[in-house]
Amino acid sequence: MKINVTTPLPMRPSSPELNHVFGSNKLSALNGGCLLDTVDEVTELRRTCDLLLDELKEFRTAVDHHAIVATTDAEGKITYANDRFCKISQYSREELLGRDHRIVNSGFHDQKVFQNMWETIGRGEIWTGEIRNSAKDASFYWEAITIVPLLTDDGRPRQYLSIGSEITQRKLAEEALAQSQSEIKELKEGRSPATPAYVNSAIQFPKYKNMAPRYVYQRTEQKC
């Protein structure tokens, strides 16, 4: 026999993970604002929510191990930074929260890049791009970034989810390849090639010094 329920039953408290996905307003309505008809429905809904929460935690763990993840509010202020973001930027979580991403701006890109980014995500559209950022010690690193707007019911962004992968090694390899091709062309034309790109890159990105040919980097150090 089914038992009718006339008052809302207590639900499992909402978590930061579910707040990020659904928004705190929706979860508040779910927890305290809807009347459920039967105990069976309450039990099934709680079981579904628990399974969803467990899956979200598993997905978050996997993403956190691979990617640089951050969320910001609608104004661009950082509200969440995962461990990889803290490690690569060399800023503590306390230093990042409440700041915007200009804290890691390297000054490498034209302002039009960021203007286009904000216009895109402000329309509720996904933006992807490659950005060179600056860590706390002034060293550089490259990210391939996807920014996903999370929208309110009326379609306005309420927060932004940024997921990035470090691509510094790839960018350095591309730069070295382009420089090598340029050197070959200059040699064929009888001109002295310019300083190899991998030498400049090794100086700018000391973390990747071992990517440059050892003898070239040693000669560069001797000149400095």
C-alpha atoms as a PDB file:
ATOM      1  CA  MET A   1       0.000   0.000   0.000  1.00  0.00           C
ATOM      2  CA  LYS A   2       1.329   3.424  -0.952  1.00  0.00           C
ATOM      3  CA  ILE A   3       1.533   6.123   1.694  1.00  0.00           C
ATOM      4  CA  ASN A   4       0.723   9.688   0.656  1.00  0.00           C
ATOM      5  CA  VAL A   5       3.171  12.323   1.833  1.00  0.00           C
ATOM      6  CA  THR A   6       1.873  15.812   2.448  1.00  0.00           C
ATOM      7  CA  THR A   7       5.113  17.482   3.631  1.00  0.00           C
ATOM      8  CA  PRO A   8       8.575  17.515   2.021  1.00  0.00           C
ATOM      9  CA  LEU A   9      10.975  14.905   3.353  1.00  0.00           C
ATOM     10  CA  PRO A  10      14.594  15.884   4.126  1.00  0.00           C
ATOM     11  CA  MET A  11      16.967  15.285   1.257  1.00  0.00           C
ATOM     12  CA  ARG A  12      20.719  14.771   1.208  1.00  0.00           C
ATOM     13  CA  PRO A  13      22.365  18.210   1.522  1.00  0.00           C
ATOM     14  CA  SER A  14      23.538  19.666  -1.775  1.00  0.00           C
ATOM     15  CA  SER A  15      27.266  19.525  -2.452  1.00  0.00           C
ATOM     16  CA  PRO A  16      29.685  21.838  -4.273  1.00  0.00           C
ATOM     17  CA  GLU A  17      29.873  19.296  -7.102  1.00  0.00           C
ATOM     18  CA  LEU A  18      26.106  19.376  -7.702  1.00  0.00           C
ATOM     19  CA  ASN A  19      26.000  23.146  -7.228  1.00  0.00           C
ATOM     20  CA  HIS A  20      28.538  23.523 -10.050  1.00  0.00           C
ATOM     21  CA  VAL A  21      26.410  21.431 -12.399  1.00  0.00           C
ATOM     22  CA  PHE A  22      22.856  22.416 -11.573  1.00  0.00           C
ATOM     23  CA  GLY A  23      23.202  25.720  -9.713  1.00  0.00           C
ATOM     24  CA  SER A  24      22.403  26.226  -6.044  1.00  0.00           C
ATOM     25  CA  ASN A  25      18.919  27.666  -6.707  1.00  0.00           C
ATOM     26  CA  LYS A  26      17.735  24.547  -8.499  1.00  0.00           C
ATOM     27  CA  LEU A  27      19.119  22.288  -5.784  1.00  0.00           C
ATOM     28  CA  SER A  28      17.447  24.336  -3.068  1.00  0.00           C
ATOM     29  CA  ALA A  29      14.124  23.851  -4.844  1.00  0.00           C
ATOM     30  CA  LEU A  30      14.821  20.124  -5.120  1.00  0.00           C
ATOM     31  CA  ASN A  31      15.784  19.766  -1.454  1.00  0.00           C
ATOM     32  CA  GLY A  32      12.986  21.771   0.126  1.00  0.00           C
ATOM     33  CA  GLY A  33      10.520  23.062  -2.369  1.00  0.00           C
ATOM     34  CA  CYS A  34       8.880  20.111  -4.112  1.00  0.00           C
ATOM     35  CA  LEU A  35       6.272  17.737  -2.713  1.00  0.00           C
ATOM     36  CA  LEU A  36       6.828  14.092  -3.540  1.00  0.00           C
ATOM     37  CA  ASP A  37       3.883  11.741  -3.696  1.00  0.00           C
ATOM     38  CA  THR A  38       5.269   8.547  -2.230  1.00  0.00           C
ATOM     39  CA  VAL A  39       8.030   7.203  -0.037  1.00  0.00           C
ATOM     40  CA  ASP A  40       9.065   5.014  -2.960  1.00  0.00           C
ATOM     41  CA  GLU A  41       9.592   8.069  -5.137  1.00  0.00           C
ATOM     42  CA  VAL A  42      11.617   9.776  -2.411  1.00  0.00           C
ATOM     43  CA  THR A  43      13.815   6.709  -2.003  1.00  0.00           C
ATOM     44  CA  GLU A  44      14.351   6.359  -5.740  1.00  0.00           C
ATOM     45  CA  LEU A  45      15.157  10.049  -6.146  1.00  0.00           C
ATOM     46  CA  ARG A  46      17.657   9.920  -3.282  1.00  0.00           C
ATOM     47  CA  ARG A  47      19.285   6.835  -4.812  1.00  0.00           C
ATOM     48  CA  THR A  48      19.502   8.556  -8.191  1.00  0.00           C
ATOM     49  CA  CYS A  49      21.039  11.670  -6.653  1.00  0.00           C
ATOM     50  CA  ASP A  50      23.587   9.599  -4.748  1.00  0.00           C
ATOM     51  CA  LEU A  51      24.601   7.727  -7.899  1.00  0.00           C
ATOM     52  CA  LEU A  52      24.877  10.972  -9.837  1.00  0.00           C
ATOM     53  CA  LEU A  53      27.001  12.525  -7.104  1.00  0.00           C
ATOM     54  CA  ASP A  54      29.308   9.498  -7.050  1.00  0.00           C
ATOM     55  CA  GLU A  55      29.708   9.634 -10.826  1.00  0.00           C
ATOM     56  CA  LEU A  56      30.444  13.357 -10.718  1.00  0.00           C
ATOM     57  CA  LYS A  57      33.138  12.766  -8.105  1.00  0.00           C
ATOM     58  CA  GLU A  58      34.715  10.080 -10.281  1.00  0.00           C
ATOM     59  CA  PHE A  59      34.633  12.325 -13.352  1.00  0.00           C
ATOM     60  CA  ARG A  60      36.062  15.228 -11.344  1.00  0.00           C
ATOM     61  CA  THR A  61      38.908  13.053 -10.038  1.00  0.00           C
ATOM     62  CA  ALA A  62      39.781  11.928 -13.568  1.00  0.00           C
ATOM     63  CA  VAL A  63      39.647  15.462 -14.980  1.00  0.00           C
ATOM     64  CA  ASP A  64      41.649  16.906 -12.077  1.00  0.00           C
ATOM     65  CA  HIS A  65      44.447  14.416 -12.709  1.00  0.00           C
ATOM     66  CA  HIS A  66      44.706  15.423 -16.352  1.00  0.00           C
ATOM     67  CA  ALA A  67      43.548  19.003 -16.753  1.00  0.00           C
ATOM     68  CA  ILE A  68      43.941  22.528 -15.424  1.00  0.00           C
ATOM     69  CA  VAL A  69      40.452  23.350 -14.131  1.00  0.00           C
ATOM     70  CA  ALA A  70      38.946  26.578 -12.857  1.00  0.00           C
ATOM     71  CA  THR A  71      35.510  28.099 -12.461  1.00  0.00           C
ATOM     72  CA  THR A  72      34.691  31.793 -12.315  1.00  0.00           C
ATOM     73  CA  ASP A  73      31.569  33.752 -11.543  1.00  0.00           C
ATOM     74  CA  ALA A  74      29.799  35.853 -14.176  1.00  0.00           C
ATOM     75  CA  GLU A  75      32.246  38.709 -13.501  1.00  0.00           C
ATOM     76  CA  GLY A  76      35.289  36.531 -14.149  1.00  0.00           C
ATOM     77  CA  LYS A  77      36.389  36.147 -10.518  1.00  0.00           C
ATOM     78  CA  ILE A  78      37.907  32.734  -9.797  1.00  0.00           C
ATOM     79  CA  THR A  79      35.680  30.633  -7.540  1.00  0.00           C
ATOM     80  CA  TYR A  80      37.455  27.281  -7.900  1.00  0.00           C
ATOM     81  CA  ALA A  81      41.003  26.238  -8.856  1.00  0.00           C
ATOM     82  CA  ASN A  82      42.151  22.625  -8.897  1.00  0.00           C
ATOM     83  CA  ASP A  83      45.555  21.385  -7.762  1.00  0.00           C
ATOM     84  CA  ARG A  84      47.023  21.348 -11.283  1.00  0.00           C
ATOM     85  CA  PHE A  85      46.121  25.010 -11.784  1.00  0.00           C
ATOM     86  CA  CYS A  86      47.844  25.868  -8.505  1.00  0.00           C
ATOM     87  CA  LYS A  87      50.902  23.793  -9.370  1.00  0.00           C
ATOM     88  CA  ILE A  88      51.488  25.112 -12.887  1.00  0.00           C
ATOM     89  CA  SER A  89      50.743  28.744 -11.989  1.00  0.00           C
ATOM     90  CA  GLN A  90      52.747  28.473  -8.727  1.00  0.00           C
ATOM     91  CA  TYR A  91      49.992  30.377  -6.912  1.00  0.00           C
ATOM     92  CA  SER A  92      48.246  28.961  -3.865  1.00  0.00           C
ATOM     93  CA  ARG A  93      44.513  28.412  -4.013  1.00  0.00           C
ATOM     94  CA  GLU A  94      44.051  31.283  -1.565  1.00  0.00           C
ATOM     95  CA  GLU A  95      45.980  33.596  -3.899  1.00  0.00           C
ATOM     96  CA  LEU A  96      43.816  32.618  -6.891  1.00  0.00           C
ATOM     97  CA  LEU A  97      40.333  32.677  -5.386  1.00  0.00           C
ATOM     98  CA  GLY A  98      38.599  36.002  -5.843  1.00  0.00           C
ATOM     99  CA  ARG A  99      41.064  37.139  -8.521  1.00  0.00           C
ATOM    100  CA  ASP A 100      40.500  37.061 -12.278  1.00  0.00           C
ATOM    101  CA  HIS A 101      42.727  35.306 -14.818  1.00  0.00           C
ATOM    102  CA  ARG A 102      44.785  38.438 -15.381  1.00  0.00           C
ATOM    103  CA  ILE A 103      46.870  37.130 -12.504  1.00  0.00           C
ATOM    104  CA  VAL A 104      48.477  34.722 -15.016  1.00  0.00           C
ATOM    105  CA  ASN A 105      48.356  37.019 -18.054  1.00  0.00           C
ATOM    106  CA  SER A 106      51.757  36.962 -19.772  1.00  0.00           C
ATOM    107  CA  GLY A 107      51.109  40.000 -21.951  1.00  0.00           C
ATOM    108  CA  PHE A 108      51.920  37.870 -25.004  1.00  0.00           C
ATOM    109  CA  HIS A 109      48.530  38.093 -26.703  1.00  0.00           C
ATOM    110  CA  ASP A 110      46.755  41.056 -28.245  1.00  0.00           C
ATOM    111  CA  GLN A 111      43.778  42.315 -26.229  1.00  0.00           C
ATOM    112  CA  LYS A 112      41.523  41.412 -29.173  1.00  0.00           C
ATOM    113  CA  VAL A 113      42.036  37.745 -28.295  1.00  0.00           C
ATOM    114  CA  PHE A 114      40.481  38.208 -24.860  1.00  0.00           C
ATOM    115  CA  GLN A 115      37.837  40.575 -26.190  1.00  0.00           C
ATOM    116  CA  ASN A 116      36.717  37.881 -28.626  1.00  0.00           C
ATOM    117  CA  MET A 117      36.779  35.304 -25.833  1.00  0.00           C
ATOM    118  CA  TRP A 118      34.527  37.392 -23.560  1.00  0.00           C
ATOM    119  CA  GLU A 119      32.136  38.230 -26.369  1.00  0.00           C
ATOM    120  CA  THR A 120      31.826  34.535 -27.221  1.00  0.00           C
ATOM    121  CA  ILE A 121      31.234  33.180 -23.729  1.00  0.00           C
ATOM    122  CA  GLY A 122      29.048  36.194 -22.887  1.00  0.00           C
ATOM    123  CA  ARG A 123      26.672  34.987 -25.623  1.00  0.00           C
ATOM    124  CA  GLY A 124      26.574  31.593 -23.924  1.00  0.00           C
ATOM    125  CA  GLU A 125      28.801  29.967 -26.544  1.00  0.00           C
ATOM    126  CA  ILE A 126      31.832  27.743 -25.939  1.00  0.00           C
ATOM    127  CA  TRP A 127      35.270  29.262 -26.599  1.00  0.00           C
ATOM    128  CA  THR A 128      38.459  27.348 -27.360  1.00  0.00           C
ATOM    129  CA  GLY A 129      41.958  28.669 -27.862  1.00  0.00           C
ATOM    130  CA  GLU A 130      45.667  28.431 -27.012  1.00  0.00           C
ATOM    131  CA  ILE A 131      47.010  30.896 -24.440  1.00  0.00           C
ATOM    132  CA  ARG A 132      50.514  31.599 -23.192  1.00  0.00           C
ATOM    133  CA  ASN A 133      50.318  32.310 -19.466  1.00  0.00           C
ATOM    134  CA  SER A 134      52.842  33.491 -16.909  1.00  0.00           C
ATOM    135  CA  ALA A 135      53.518  31.675 -13.625  1.00  0.00           C
ATOM    136  CA  LYS A 136      54.284  33.393 -10.349  1.00  0.00           C
ATOM    137  CA  ASP A 137      58.049  33.190 -10.983  1.00  0.00           C
ATOM    138  CA  ALA A 138      57.546  34.925 -14.384  1.00  0.00           C
ATOM    139  CA  SER A 139      58.201  31.744 -16.384  1.00  0.00           C
ATOM    140  CA  PHE A 140      55.795  30.976 -19.238  1.00  0.00           C
ATOM    141  CA  TYR A 141      53.549  28.023 -19.994  1.00  0.00           C
ATOM    142  CA  TRP A 142      51.078  27.308 -22.800  1.00  0.00           C
ATOM    143  CA  GLU A 143      47.530  26.009 -22.370  1.00  0.00           C
ATOM    144  CA  ALA A 144      44.938  24.696 -24.784  1.00  0.00           C
ATOM    145  CA  ILE A 145      41.756  25.958 -23.128  1.00  0.00           C
ATOM    146  CA  THR A 146      38.044  25.319 -23.471  1.00  0.00           C
ATOM    147  CA  ILE A 147      35.681  27.658 -21.612  1.00  0.00           C
ATOM    148  CA  VAL A 148      32.080  26.505 -21.162  1.00  0.00           C
ATOM    149  CA  PRO A 149      29.426  28.988 -19.954  1.00  0.00           C
ATOM    150  CA  LEU A 150      26.969  27.541 -17.412  1.00  0.00           C
ATOM    151  CA  LEU A 151      23.666  29.297 -17.967  1.00  0.00           C
ATOM    152  CA  THR A 152      20.688  30.389 -15.921  1.00  0.00           C
ATOM    153  CA  ASP A 153      17.154  29.403 -16.925  1.00  0.00           C
ATOM    154  CA  ASP A 154      16.849  32.535 -19.040  1.00  0.00           C
ATOM    155  CA  GLY A 155      20.087  31.788 -20.918  1.00  0.00           C
ATOM    156  CA  ARG A 156      22.463  34.174 -19.161  1.00  0.00           C
ATOM    157  CA  PRO A 157      25.905  32.950 -17.993  1.00  0.00           C
ATOM    158  CA  ARG A 158      25.963  32.440 -14.215  1.00  0.00           C
ATOM    159  CA  GLN A 159      29.485  31.035 -14.150  1.00  0.00           C
ATOM    160  CA  TYR A 160      32.211  29.776 -16.477  1.00  0.00           C
ATOM    161  CA  LEU A 161      34.015  26.439 -16.442  1.00  0.00           C
ATOM    162  CA  SER A 162      37.557  26.458 -17.853  1.00  0.00           C
ATOM    163  CA  ILE A 163      39.346  23.200 -18.699  1.00  0.00           C
ATOM    164  CA  GLY A 164      42.889  23.368 -20.038  1.00  0.00           C
ATOM    165  CA  SER A 165      45.789  21.105 -20.985  1.00  0.00           C
ATOM    166  CA  GLU A 166      49.416  22.172 -20.844  1.00  0.00           C
ATOM    167  CA  ILE A 167      50.898  22.211 -24.352  1.00  0.00           C
ATOM    168  CA  THR A 168      54.225  23.963 -23.709  1.00  0.00           C
ATOM    169  CA  GLN A 169      56.348  21.158 -25.136  1.00  0.00           C
ATOM    170  CA  ARG A 170      54.245  21.008 -28.289  1.00  0.00           C
ATOM    171  CA  LYS A 171      54.494  24.774 -28.826  1.00  0.00           C
ATOM    172  CA  LEU A 172      58.267  24.683 -28.353  1.00  0.00           C
ATOM    173  CA  ALA A 173      58.555  21.803 -30.813  1.00  0.00           C
ATOM    174  CA  GLU A 174      56.470  23.711 -33.365  1.00  0.00           C
ATOM    175  CA  GLU A 175      58.644  26.786 -32.884  1.00  0.00           C
ATOM    176  CA  ALA A 176      61.845  24.766 -33.285  1.00  0.00           C
ATOM    177  CA  LEU A 177      60.500  23.088 -36.437  1.00  0.00           C
ATOM    178  CA  ALA A 178      59.526  26.417 -37.987  1.00  0.00           C
ATOM    179  CA  GLN A 179      62.965  27.848 -37.156  1.00  0.00           C
ATOM    180  CA  SER A 180      64.731  24.812 -38.626  1.00  0.00           C
ATOM    181  CA  GLN A 181      62.793  25.185 -41.858  1.00  0.00           C
ATOM    182  CA  SER A 182      63.706  28.864 -41.927  1.00  0.00           C
ATOM    183  CA  GLU A 183      67.397  28.051 -41.370  1.00  0.00           C
ATOM    184  CA  ILE A 184      67.411  25.535 -44.214  1.00  0.00           C
ATOM    185  CA  LYS A 185      65.881  28.123 -46.509  1.00  0.00           C
ATOM    186  CA  GLU A 186      68.455  30.746 -45.474  1.00  0.00           C
ATOM    187  CA  LEU A 187      71.335  28.332 -45.999  1.00  0.00           C
ATOM    188  CA  LYS A 188      70.072  27.491 -49.465  1.00  0.00           C
ATOM    189  CA  GLU A 189      69.960  31.198 -50.217  1.00  0.00           C
ATOM    190  CA  GLY A 190      73.510  31.658 -48.917  1.00  0.00           C
ATOM    191  CA  ARG A 191      72.544  33.673 -45.840  1.00  0.00           C
ATOM    192  CA  SER A 192      73.608  33.066 -42.222  1.00  0.00           C
ATOM    193  CA  PRO A 193      70.706  31.676 -40.196  1.00  0.00           C
ATOM    194  CA  ALA A 194      69.381  33.551 -37.167  1.00  0.00           C
ATOM    195  CA  THR A 195      69.677  32.278 -33.597  1.00  0.00           C
ATOM    196  CA  PRO A 196      67.746  28.969 -33.448  1.00  0.00           C
ATOM    197  CA  ALA A 197      64.323  29.201 -31.901  1.00  0.00           C
ATOM    198  CA  TYR A 198      65.017  26.362 -29.517  1.00  0.00           C
ATOM    199  CA  VAL A 199      67.829  28.431 -27.967  1.00  0.00           C
ATOM    200  CA  ASN A 200      65.462  31.340 -27.303  1.00  0.00           C
ATOM    201  CA  SER A 201      62.810  28.935 -26.074  1.00  0.00           C
ATOM    202  CA  ALA A 202      65.207  27.203 -23.706  1.00  0.00           C
ATOM    203  CA  ILE A 203      66.050  30.560 -22.169  1.00  0.00           C
ATOM    204  CA  GLN A 204      62.387  31.613 -21.854  1.00  0.00           C
ATOM    205  CA  PHE A 205      61.232  28.178 -20.670  1.00  0.00           C
ATOM    206  CA  PRO A 206      64.085  26.839 -18.484  1.00  0.00           C
ATOM    207  CA  LYS A 207      61.837  23.948 -17.438  1.00  0.00           C
ATOM    208  CA  TYR A 208      62.246  22.605 -20.991  1.00  0.00           C
ATOM    209  CA  LYS A 209      65.983  23.278 -21.341  1.00  0.00           C
ATOM    210  CA  ASN A 210      66.652  19.614 -22.138  1.00  0.00           C
ATOM    211  CA  MET A 211      64.622  19.914 -25.360  1.00  0.00           C
ATOM    212  CA  ALA A 212      67.366  22.015 -26.971  1.00  0.00           C
ATOM    213  CA  PRO A 213      70.506  20.329 -28.356  1.00  0.00           C
ATOM    214  CA  ARG A 214      72.989  20.238 -25.473  1.00  0.00           C
ATOM    215  CA  TYR A 215      75.909  21.768 -27.315  1.00  0.00           C
ATOM    216  CA  VAL A 216      73.847  24.671 -28.626  1.00  0.00           C
ATOM    217  CA  TYR A 217      72.505  25.548 -25.193  1.00  0.00           C
ATOM    218  CA  GLN A 218      75.967  25.326 -23.620  1.00  0.00           C
ATOM    219  CA  ARG A 219      77.368  27.707 -26.230  1.00  0.00           C
ATOM    220  CA  THR A 220      74.512  30.117 -25.525  1.00  0.00           C
ATOM    221  CA  GLU A 221      75.181  30.008 -21.762  1.00  0.00           C
ATOM    222  CA  GLN A 222      78.850  30.799 -22.357  1.00  0.00           C
ATOM    223  CA  LYS A 223      77.946  33.907 -24.341  1.00  0.00           C
ATOM    224  CA  CYS A 224      75.561  35.248 -21.676  1.00  0.00           C
END
